[in-house]
């Protein structure tokens, strides 16, 4: 992915006339997801495991907490690979 497909995507977006700042931002997100192995779904699973392991709350309460935090983070427009796991 990183050595072959991402460079192809850069070239393809360049040839399509996509603005370099937009190209770099979006492909940078893909690159970081590959490097960190984290996207929104993996963040949610990690956050659930972290909170459920530390909590005396039941599973559904932890799911509500994680979903609420996901919603807050999603609205920051920051990519999920950079979100801190609680």
PDB file of N, CA and C in Angstrom:
ATOM      1  N   UNK A   1       0.826  -1.190   0.000  1.00  0.00           N
ATOM      2  CA  UNK A   1       0.000   0.000   0.000  1.00  0.00           C
ATOM      3  C   UNK A   1       0.870   1.253   0.000  1.00  0.00           C
ATOM      4  N   UNK A   2       1.776   1.331   0.951  1.00  0.00           N
ATOM      5  CA  UNK A   2       2.569   2.550   1.093  1.00  0.00           C
ATOM      6  C   UNK A   2       3.594   2.741  -0.023  1.00  0.00           C
ATOM      7  N   UNK A   3       4.195   1.664  -0.454  1.00  0.00           N
ATOM      8  CA  UNK A   3       5.252   1.800  -1.458  1.00  0.00           C
ATOM      9  C   UNK A   3       4.736   1.811  -2.888  1.00  0.00           C
ATOM     10  N   UNK A   4       3.580   1.213  -3.097  1.00  0.00           N
ATOM     11  CA  UNK A   4       3.115   1.098  -4.478  1.00  0.00           C
ATOM     12  C   UNK A   4       1.843   1.901  -4.757  1.00  0.00           C
ATOM     13  N   UNK A   5       0.803   1.666  -3.969  1.00  0.00           N
ATOM     14  CA  UNK A   5      -0.485   2.293  -4.275  1.00  0.00           C
ATOM     15  C   UNK A   5      -0.538   3.775  -3.927  1.00  0.00           C
ATOM     16  N   UNK A   6       0.058   4.150  -2.813  1.00  0.00           N
ATOM     17  CA  UNK A   6       0.018   5.561  -2.432  1.00  0.00           C
ATOM     18  C   UNK A   6       0.741   6.448  -3.445  1.00  0.00           C
ATOM     19  N   UNK A   7       1.933   6.076  -3.909  1.00  0.00           N
ATOM     20  CA  UNK A   7       2.565   6.884  -4.960  1.00  0.00           C
ATOM     21  C   UNK A   7       1.720   6.948  -6.241  1.00  0.00           C
ATOM     22  N   UNK A   8       1.047   5.855  -6.567  1.00  0.00           N
ATOM     23  CA  UNK A   8       0.165   5.867  -7.737  1.00  0.00           C
ATOM     24  C   UNK A   8      -0.988   6.843  -7.529  1.00  0.00           C
ATOM     25  N   UNK A   9      -1.519   6.870  -6.326  1.00  0.00           N
ATOM     26  CA  UNK A   9      -2.614   7.789  -6.020  1.00  0.00           C
ATOM     27  C   UNK A   9      -2.143   9.241  -6.125  1.00  0.00           C
ATOM     28  N   UNK A  10      -0.944   9.532  -5.621  1.00  0.00           N
ATOM     29  CA  UNK A  10      -0.396  10.885  -5.756  1.00  0.00           C
ATOM     30  C   UNK A  10      -0.312  11.282  -7.229  1.00  0.00           C
ATOM     31  N   UNK A  11       0.245  10.398  -8.046  1.00  0.00           N
ATOM     32  CA  UNK A  11       0.391  10.700  -9.471  1.00  0.00           C
ATOM     33  C   UNK A  11      -0.981  10.871 -10.148  1.00  0.00           C
ATOM     34  N   UNK A  12      -1.908  10.008  -9.809  1.00  0.00           N
ATOM     35  CA  UNK A  12      -3.239  10.087 -10.398  1.00  0.00           C
ATOM     36  C   UNK A  12      -3.955  11.373 -10.034  1.00  0.00           C
ATOM     37  N   UNK A  13      -3.856  11.770  -8.767  1.00  0.00           N
ATOM     38  CA  UNK A  13      -4.503  13.009  -8.354  1.00  0.00           C
ATOM     39  C   UNK A  13      -3.825  14.222  -8.985  1.00  0.00           C
ATOM     40  N   UNK A  14      -2.509  14.155  -9.111  1.00  0.00           N
ATOM     41  CA  UNK A  14      -1.793  15.234  -9.795  1.00  0.00           C
ATOM     42  C   UNK A  14      -2.260  15.360 -11.240  1.00  0.00           C
ATOM     43  N   UNK A  15      -2.367  14.226 -11.917  1.00  0.00           N
ATOM     44  CA  UNK A  15      -2.768  14.265 -13.333  1.00  0.00           C
ATOM     45  C   UNK A  15      -4.227  14.707 -13.491  1.00  0.00           C
ATOM     46  N   UNK A  16      -5.025  14.535 -12.448  1.00  0.00           N
ATOM     47  CA  UNK A  16      -6.421  14.971 -12.492  1.00  0.00           C
ATOM     48  C   UNK A  16      -6.568  16.434 -12.098  1.00  0.00           C
ATOM     49  N   UNK A  17      -5.453  17.062 -11.701  1.00  0.00           N
ATOM     50  CA  UNK A  17      -5.495  18.482 -11.356  1.00  0.00           C
ATOM     51  C   UNK A  17      -5.988  18.782  -9.956  1.00  0.00           C
ATOM     52  N   UNK A  18      -5.953  17.801  -9.072  1.00  0.00           N
ATOM     53  CA  UNK A  18      -6.369  18.020  -7.686  1.00  0.00           C
ATOM     54  C   UNK A  18      -5.340  18.921  -6.999  1.00  0.00           C
ATOM     55  N   UNK A  19      -5.831  19.888  -6.245  1.00  0.00           N
ATOM     56  CA  UNK A  19      -4.959  20.811  -5.523  1.00  0.00           C
ATOM     57  C   UNK A  19      -3.999  20.021  -4.626  1.00  0.00           C
ATOM     58  N   UNK A  20      -2.736  20.416  -4.622  1.00  0.00           N
ATOM     59  CA  UNK A  20      -1.705  19.686  -3.875  1.00  0.00           C
ATOM     60  C   UNK A  20      -2.002  19.647  -2.377  1.00  0.00           C
ATOM     61  N   UNK A  21      -2.542  20.726  -1.824  1.00  0.00           N
ATOM     62  CA  UNK A  21      -2.848  20.742  -0.385  1.00  0.00           C
ATOM     63  C   UNK A  21      -3.940  19.728  -0.053  1.00  0.00           C
ATOM     64  N   UNK A  22      -4.960  19.666  -0.890  1.00  0.00           N
ATOM     65  CA  UNK A  22      -6.036  18.687  -0.679  1.00  0.00           C
ATOM     66  C   UNK A  22      -5.499  17.269  -0.839  1.00  0.00           C
ATOM     67  N   UNK A  23      -4.715  17.064  -1.886  1.00  0.00           N
ATOM     68  CA  UNK A  23      -4.113  15.744  -2.140  1.00  0.00           C
ATOM     69  C   UNK A  23      -3.279  15.297  -0.951  1.00  0.00           C
ATOM     70  N   UNK A  24      -2.416  16.168  -0.473  1.00  0.00           N
ATOM     71  CA  UNK A  24      -1.526  15.812   0.629  1.00  0.00           C
ATOM     72  C   UNK A  24      -2.285  15.536   1.915  1.00  0.00           C
ATOM     73  N   UNK A  25      -3.305  16.332   2.182  1.00  0.00           N
ATOM     74  CA  UNK A  25      -4.092  16.127   3.403  1.00  0.00           C
ATOM     75  C   UNK A  25      -4.791  14.775   3.374  1.00  0.00           C
ATOM     76  N   UNK A  26      -5.469  14.483   2.291  1.00  0.00           N
ATOM     77  CA  UNK A  26      -6.255  13.250   2.220  1.00  0.00           C
ATOM     78  C   UNK A  26      -5.382  12.004   2.117  1.00  0.00           C
ATOM     79  N   UNK A  27      -4.351  12.053   1.290  1.00  0.00           N
ATOM     80  CA  UNK A  27      -3.483  10.883   1.191  1.00  0.00           C
ATOM     81  C   UNK A  27      -2.624  10.730   2.448  1.00  0.00           C
ATOM     82  N   UNK A  28      -2.363  11.844   3.128  1.00  0.00           N
ATOM     83  CA  UNK A  28      -1.654  11.766   4.405  1.00  0.00           C
ATOM     84  C   UNK A  28      -2.462  11.008   5.452  1.00  0.00           C
ATOM     85  N   UNK A  29      -3.770  11.194   5.424  1.00  0.00           N
ATOM     86  CA  UNK A  29      -4.646  10.450   6.338  1.00  0.00           C
ATOM     87  C   UNK A  29      -4.557   8.957   6.043  1.00  0.00           C
ATOM     88  N   UNK A  30      -4.614   8.610   4.784  1.00  0.00           N
ATOM     89  CA  UNK A  30      -4.507   7.192   4.404  1.00  0.00           C
ATOM     90  C   UNK A  30      -3.157   6.633   4.834  1.00  0.00           C
ATOM     91  N   UNK A  31      -2.096   7.388   4.601  1.00  0.00           N
ATOM     92  CA  UNK A  31      -0.755   6.937   4.994  1.00  0.00           C
ATOM     93  C   UNK A  31      -0.669   6.698   6.497  1.00  0.00           C
ATOM     94  N   UNK A  32      -1.184   7.626   7.280  1.00  0.00           N
ATOM     95  CA  UNK A  32      -1.119   7.474   8.736  1.00  0.00           C
ATOM     96  C   UNK A  32      -1.990   6.329   9.232  1.00  0.00           C
ATOM     97  N   UNK A  33      -3.110   6.098   8.591  1.00  0.00           N
ATOM     98  CA  UNK A  33      -3.939   4.941   8.959  1.00  0.00           C
ATOM     99  C   UNK A  33      -3.181   3.646   8.710  1.00  0.00           C
ATOM    100  N   UNK A  34      -2.433   3.601   7.627  1.00  0.00           N
ATOM    101  CA  UNK A  34      -1.623   2.408   7.345  1.00  0.00           C
ATOM    102  C   UNK A  34      -0.514   2.251   8.379  1.00  0.00           C
ATOM    103  N   UNK A  35       0.135   3.339   8.727  1.00  0.00           N
ATOM    104  CA  UNK A  35       1.272   3.273   9.654  1.00  0.00           C
ATOM    105  C   UNK A  35       0.836   2.972  11.086  1.00  0.00           C
ATOM    106  N   UNK A  36      -0.290   3.559  11.508  1.00  0.00           N
ATOM    107  CA  UNK A  36      -0.741   3.370  12.895  1.00  0.00           C
ATOM    108  C   UNK A  36      -1.671   2.175  13.047  1.00  0.00           C
ATOM    109  N   UNK A  37      -2.300   1.757  11.949  1.00  0.00           N
ATOM    110  CA  UNK A  37      -3.281   0.673  12.038  1.00  0.00           C
ATOM    111  C   UNK A  37      -4.558   1.116  12.714  1.00  0.00           C
ATOM    112  N   UNK A  38      -4.792   2.426  12.772  1.00  0.00           N
ATOM    113  CA  UNK A  38      -5.985   2.916  13.465  1.00  0.00           C
ATOM    114  C   UNK A  38      -6.881   3.707  12.533  1.00  0.00           C
ATOM    115  N   UNK A  39      -8.160   3.370  12.610  1.00  0.00           N
ATOM    116  CA  UNK A  39      -9.216   4.145  11.972  1.00  0.00           C
ATOM    117  C   UNK A  39     -10.323   4.293  13.015  1.00  0.00           C
ATOM    118  N   UNK A  40     -11.456   4.810  12.636  1.00  0.00           N
ATOM    119  CA  UNK A  40     -12.526   5.013  13.612  1.00  0.00           C
ATOM    120  C   UNK A  40     -12.981   3.735  14.294  1.00  0.00           C
ATOM    121  N   UNK A  41     -13.054   2.656  13.541  1.00  0.00           N
ATOM    122  CA  UNK A  41     -13.513   1.382  14.110  1.00  0.00           C
ATOM    123  C   UNK A  41     -12.498   0.807  15.093  1.00  0.00           C
ATOM    124  N   UNK A  42     -11.214   0.868  14.737  1.00  0.00           N
ATOM    125  CA  UNK A  42     -10.209   0.327  15.659  1.00  0.00           C
ATOM    126  C   UNK A  42     -10.098   1.201  16.897  1.00  0.00           C
ATOM    127  N   UNK A  43     -10.250   2.534  16.726  1.00  0.00           N
ATOM    128  CA  UNK A  43     -10.246   3.417  17.901  1.00  0.00           C
ATOM    129  C   UNK A  43     -11.378   3.037  18.846  1.00  0.00           C
ATOM    130  N   UNK A  44     -12.565   2.801  18.283  1.00  0.00           N
ATOM    131  CA  UNK A  44     -13.720   2.470  19.118  1.00  0.00           C
ATOM    132  C   UNK A  44     -13.494   1.168  19.884  1.00  0.00           C
ATOM    133  N   UNK A  45     -12.936   0.176  19.233  1.00  0.00           N
ATOM    134  CA  UNK A  45     -12.669  -1.100  19.904  1.00  0.00           C
ATOM    135  C   UNK A  45     -11.626  -0.928  21.008  1.00  0.00           C
ATOM    136  N   UNK A  46     -10.561  -0.176  20.722  1.00  0.00           N
ATOM    137  CA  UNK A  46      -9.526   0.068  21.737  1.00  0.00           C
ATOM    138  C   UNK A  46     -10.089   0.858  22.915  1.00  0.00           C
ATOM    139  N   UNK A  47     -10.896   1.874  22.620  1.00  0.00           N
ATOM    140  CA  UNK A  47     -11.478   2.694  23.677  1.00  0.00           C
ATOM    141  C   UNK A  47     -12.414   1.864  24.551  1.00  0.00           C
ATOM    142  N   UNK A  48     -13.215   1.013  23.920  1.00  0.00           N
ATOM    143  CA  UNK A  48     -14.116   0.157  24.690  1.00  0.00           C
ATOM    144  C   UNK A  48     -13.325  -0.757  25.618  1.00  0.00           C
ATOM    145  N   UNK A  49     -12.312  -1.418  25.074  1.00  0.00           N
ATOM    146  CA  UNK A  49     -11.506  -2.324  25.912  1.00  0.00           C
ATOM    147  C   UNK A  49     -10.849  -1.572  27.060  1.00  0.00           C
ATOM    148  N   UNK A  50     -10.346  -0.393  26.782  1.00  0.00           N
ATOM    149  CA  UNK A  50      -9.680   0.394  27.808  1.00  0.00           C
ATOM    150  C   UNK A  50     -10.651   0.801  28.914  1.00  0.00           C
ATOM    151  N   UNK A  51     -11.790   1.346  28.533  1.00  0.00           N
ATOM    152  CA  UNK A  51     -12.759   1.806  29.531  1.00  0.00           C
ATOM    153  C   UNK A  51     -13.444   0.657  30.255  1.00  0.00           C
ATOM    154  N   UNK A  52     -13.755  -0.399  29.540  1.00  0.00           N
ATOM    155  CA  UNK A  52     -14.449  -1.523  30.166  1.00  0.00           C
ATOM    156  C   UNK A  52     -13.536  -2.224  31.163  1.00  0.00           C
ATOM    157  N   UNK A  53     -12.263  -2.284  30.852  1.00  0.00           N
ATOM    158  CA  UNK A  53     -11.316  -2.923  31.755  1.00  0.00           C
ATOM    159  C   UNK A  53     -11.099  -2.141  33.041  1.00  0.00           C
ATOM    160  N   UNK A  54     -11.249  -0.816  32.987  1.00  0.00           N
ATOM    161  CA  UNK A  54     -11.022   0.041  34.151  1.00  0.00           C
ATOM    162  C   UNK A  54     -12.301   0.326  34.927  1.00  0.00           C
ATOM    163  N   UNK A  55     -13.433  -0.025  34.383  1.00  0.00           N
ATOM    164  CA  UNK A  55     -14.706   0.448  34.905  1.00  0.00           C
ATOM    165  C   UNK A  55     -15.477  -0.643  35.632  1.00  0.00           C
ATOM    166  N   UNK A  56     -16.286  -0.190  36.556  1.00  0.00           N
ATOM    167  CA  UNK A  56     -17.254  -1.096  37.180  1.00  0.00           C
ATOM    168  C   UNK A  56     -18.599  -0.966  36.478  1.00  0.00           C
ATOM    169  N   UNK A  57     -18.674  -0.062  35.497  1.00  0.00           N
ATOM    170  CA  UNK A  57     -19.913   0.122  34.731  1.00  0.00           C
ATOM    171  C   UNK A  57     -20.181  -1.104  33.879  1.00  0.00           C
ATOM    172  N   UNK A  58     -21.455  -1.285  33.576  1.00  0.00           N
ATOM    173  CA  UNK A  58     -21.769  -2.414  32.709  1.00  0.00           C
ATOM    174  C   UNK A  58     -21.431  -2.087  31.257  1.00  0.00           C
ATOM    175  N   UNK A  59     -21.470  -3.090  30.463  1.00  0.00           N
ATOM    176  CA  UNK A  59     -21.057  -3.011  29.062  1.00  0.00           C
ATOM    177  C   UNK A  59     -21.792  -1.908  28.295  1.00  0.00           C
ATOM    178  N   UNK A  60     -23.101  -1.781  28.515  1.00  0.00           N
ATOM    179  CA  UNK A  60     -23.891  -0.792  27.779  1.00  0.00           C
ATOM    180  C   UNK A  60     -23.542   0.632  28.195  1.00  0.00           C
ATOM    181  N   UNK A  61     -23.233   0.846  29.465  1.00  0.00           N
ATOM    182  CA  UNK A  61     -22.793   2.175  29.898  1.00  0.00           C
ATOM    183  C   UNK A  61     -21.469   2.548  29.239  1.00  0.00           C
ATOM    184  N   UNK A  62     -20.563   1.591  29.152  1.00  0.00           N
ATOM    185  CA  UNK A  62     -19.267   1.846  28.514  1.00  0.00           C
ATOM    186  C   UNK A  62     -19.469   2.127  27.027  1.00  0.00           C
ATOM    187  N   UNK A  63     -20.340   1.374  26.379  1.00  0.00           N
ATOM    188  CA  UNK A  63     -20.632   1.625  24.970  1.00  0.00           C
ATOM    189  C   UNK A  63     -21.199   3.023  24.758  1.00  0.00           C
ATOM    190  N   UNK A  64     -22.061   3.480  25.650  1.00  0.00           N
ATOM    191  CA  UNK A  64     -22.601   4.841  25.558  1.00  0.00           C
ATOM    192  C   UNK A  64     -21.493   5.875  25.716  1.00  0.00           C
ATOM    193  N   UNK A  65     -20.582   5.642  26.659  1.00  0.00           N
ATOM    194  CA  UNK A  65     -19.464   6.573  26.860  1.00  0.00           C
ATOM    195  C   UNK A  65     -18.579   6.643  25.623  1.00  0.00           C
ATOM    196  N   UNK A  66     -18.245   5.489  25.085  1.00  0.00           N
ATOM    197  CA  UNK A  66     -17.361   5.437  23.919  1.00  0.00           C
ATOM    198  C   UNK A  66     -18.038   6.086  22.711  1.00  0.00           C
ATOM    199  N   UNK A  67     -19.309   5.809  22.520  1.00  0.00           N
ATOM    200  CA  UNK A  67     -20.028   6.399  21.389  1.00  0.00           C
ATOM    201  C   UNK A  67     -20.113   7.915  21.530  1.00  0.00           C
ATOM    202  N   UNK A  68     -20.352   8.397  22.731  1.00  0.00           N
ATOM    203  CA  UNK A  68     -20.385   9.842  22.963  1.00  0.00           C
ATOM    204  C   UNK A  68     -19.037  10.492  22.682  1.00  0.00           C
ATOM    205  N   UNK A  69     -17.973   9.851  23.135  1.00  0.00           N
ATOM    206  CA  UNK A  69     -16.629  10.383  22.875  1.00  0.00           C
ATOM    207  C   UNK A  69     -16.299  10.335  21.390  1.00  0.00           C
ATOM    208  N   UNK A  70     -16.704   9.282  20.717  1.00  0.00           N
ATOM    209  CA  UNK A  70     -16.501   9.168  19.268  1.00  0.00           C
ATOM    210  C   UNK A  70     -17.179  10.341  18.566  1.00  0.00           C
ATOM    211  N   UNK A  71     -18.402  10.629  18.962  1.00  0.00           N
ATOM    212  CA  UNK A  71     -19.146  11.736  18.348  1.00  0.00           C
ATOM    213  C   UNK A  71     -18.427  13.061  18.561  1.00  0.00           C
ATOM    214  N   UNK A  72     -17.930  13.287  19.776  1.00  0.00           N
ATOM    215  CA  UNK A  72     -17.189  14.522  20.061  1.00  0.00           C
ATOM    216  C   UNK A  72     -15.945  14.625  19.175  1.00  0.00           C
ATOM    217  N   UNK A  73     -15.184  13.551  19.116  1.00  0.00           N
ATOM    218  CA  UNK A  73     -13.951  13.560  18.325  1.00  0.00           C
ATOM    219  C   UNK A  73     -14.236  13.689  16.834  1.00  0.00           C
ATOM    220  N   UNK A  74     -15.276  13.040  16.375  1.00  0.00           N
ATOM    221  CA  UNK A  74     -15.648  13.113  14.963  1.00  0.00           C
ATOM    222  C   UNK A  74     -15.932  14.557  14.557  1.00  0.00           C
ATOM    223  N   UNK A  75     -16.567  15.305  15.447  1.00  0.00           N
ATOM    224  CA  UNK A  75     -16.927  16.685  15.143  1.00  0.00           C
ATOM    225  C   UNK A  75     -15.738  17.642  15.176  1.00  0.00           C
ATOM    226  N   UNK A  76     -14.566  17.185  15.622  1.00  0.00           N
ATOM    227  CA  UNK A  76     -13.378  18.029  15.580  1.00  0.00           C
ATOM    228  C   UNK A  76     -12.781  18.057  14.174  1.00  0.00           C
ATOM    229  N   UNK A  77     -13.198  17.123  13.329  1.00  0.00           N
ATOM    230  CA  UNK A  77     -12.683  16.966  11.962  1.00  0.00           C
ATOM    231  C   UNK A  77     -11.206  16.557  11.942  1.00  0.00           C
ATOM    232  N   UNK A  78     -10.715  16.024  13.045  1.00  0.00           N
ATOM    233  CA  UNK A  78      -9.364  15.468  13.095  1.00  0.00           C
ATOM    234  C   UNK A  78      -9.437  13.991  12.727  1.00  0.00           C
ATOM    235  N   UNK A  79      -8.467  13.483  12.001  1.00  0.00           N
ATOM    236  CA  UNK A  79      -8.507  12.069  11.605  1.00  0.00           C
ATOM    237  C   UNK A  79      -8.425  11.138  12.815  1.00  0.00           C
ATOM    238  N   UNK A  80      -9.106  10.022  12.712  1.00  0.00           N
ATOM    239  CA  UNK A  80      -9.210   9.073  13.823  1.00  0.00           C
ATOM    240  C   UNK A  80      -7.860   8.476  14.215  1.00  0.00           C
ATOM    241  N   UNK A  81      -6.906   8.419  13.306  1.00  0.00           N
ATOM    242  CA  UNK A  81      -5.615   7.826  13.667  1.00  0.00           C
ATOM    243  C   UNK A  81      -4.885   8.644  14.742  1.00  0.00           C
ATOM    244  N   UNK A  82      -5.281   9.885  14.933  1.00  0.00           N
ATOM    245  CA  UNK A  82      -4.635  10.726  15.935  1.00  0.00           C
ATOM    246  C   UNK A  82      -5.395  10.867  17.237  1.00  0.00           C
ATOM    247  N   UNK A  83      -6.571  10.251  17.338  1.00  0.00           N
ATOM    248  CA  UNK A  83      -7.368  10.358  18.554  1.00  0.00           C
ATOM    249  C   UNK A  83      -6.711   9.589  19.687  1.00  0.00           C
ATOM    250  N   UNK A  84      -6.721  10.169  20.864  1.00  0.00           N
ATOM    251  CA  UNK A  84      -6.230   9.478  22.062  1.00  0.00           C
ATOM    252  C   UNK A  84      -7.257   8.461  22.535  1.00  0.00           C
ATOM    253  N   UNK A  85      -6.785   7.323  22.945  1.00  0.00           N
ATOM    254  CA  UNK A  85      -7.658   6.300  23.523  1.00  0.00           C
ATOM    255  C   UNK A  85      -7.759   6.598  25.015  1.00  0.00           C
ATOM    256  N   UNK A  86      -8.998   6.645  25.518  1.00  0.00           N
ATOM    257  CA  UNK A  86      -9.164   6.961  26.960  1.00  0.00           C
ATOM    258  C   UNK A  86      -8.568   5.887  27.858  1.00  0.00           C
TER     259      UNK A  86
END
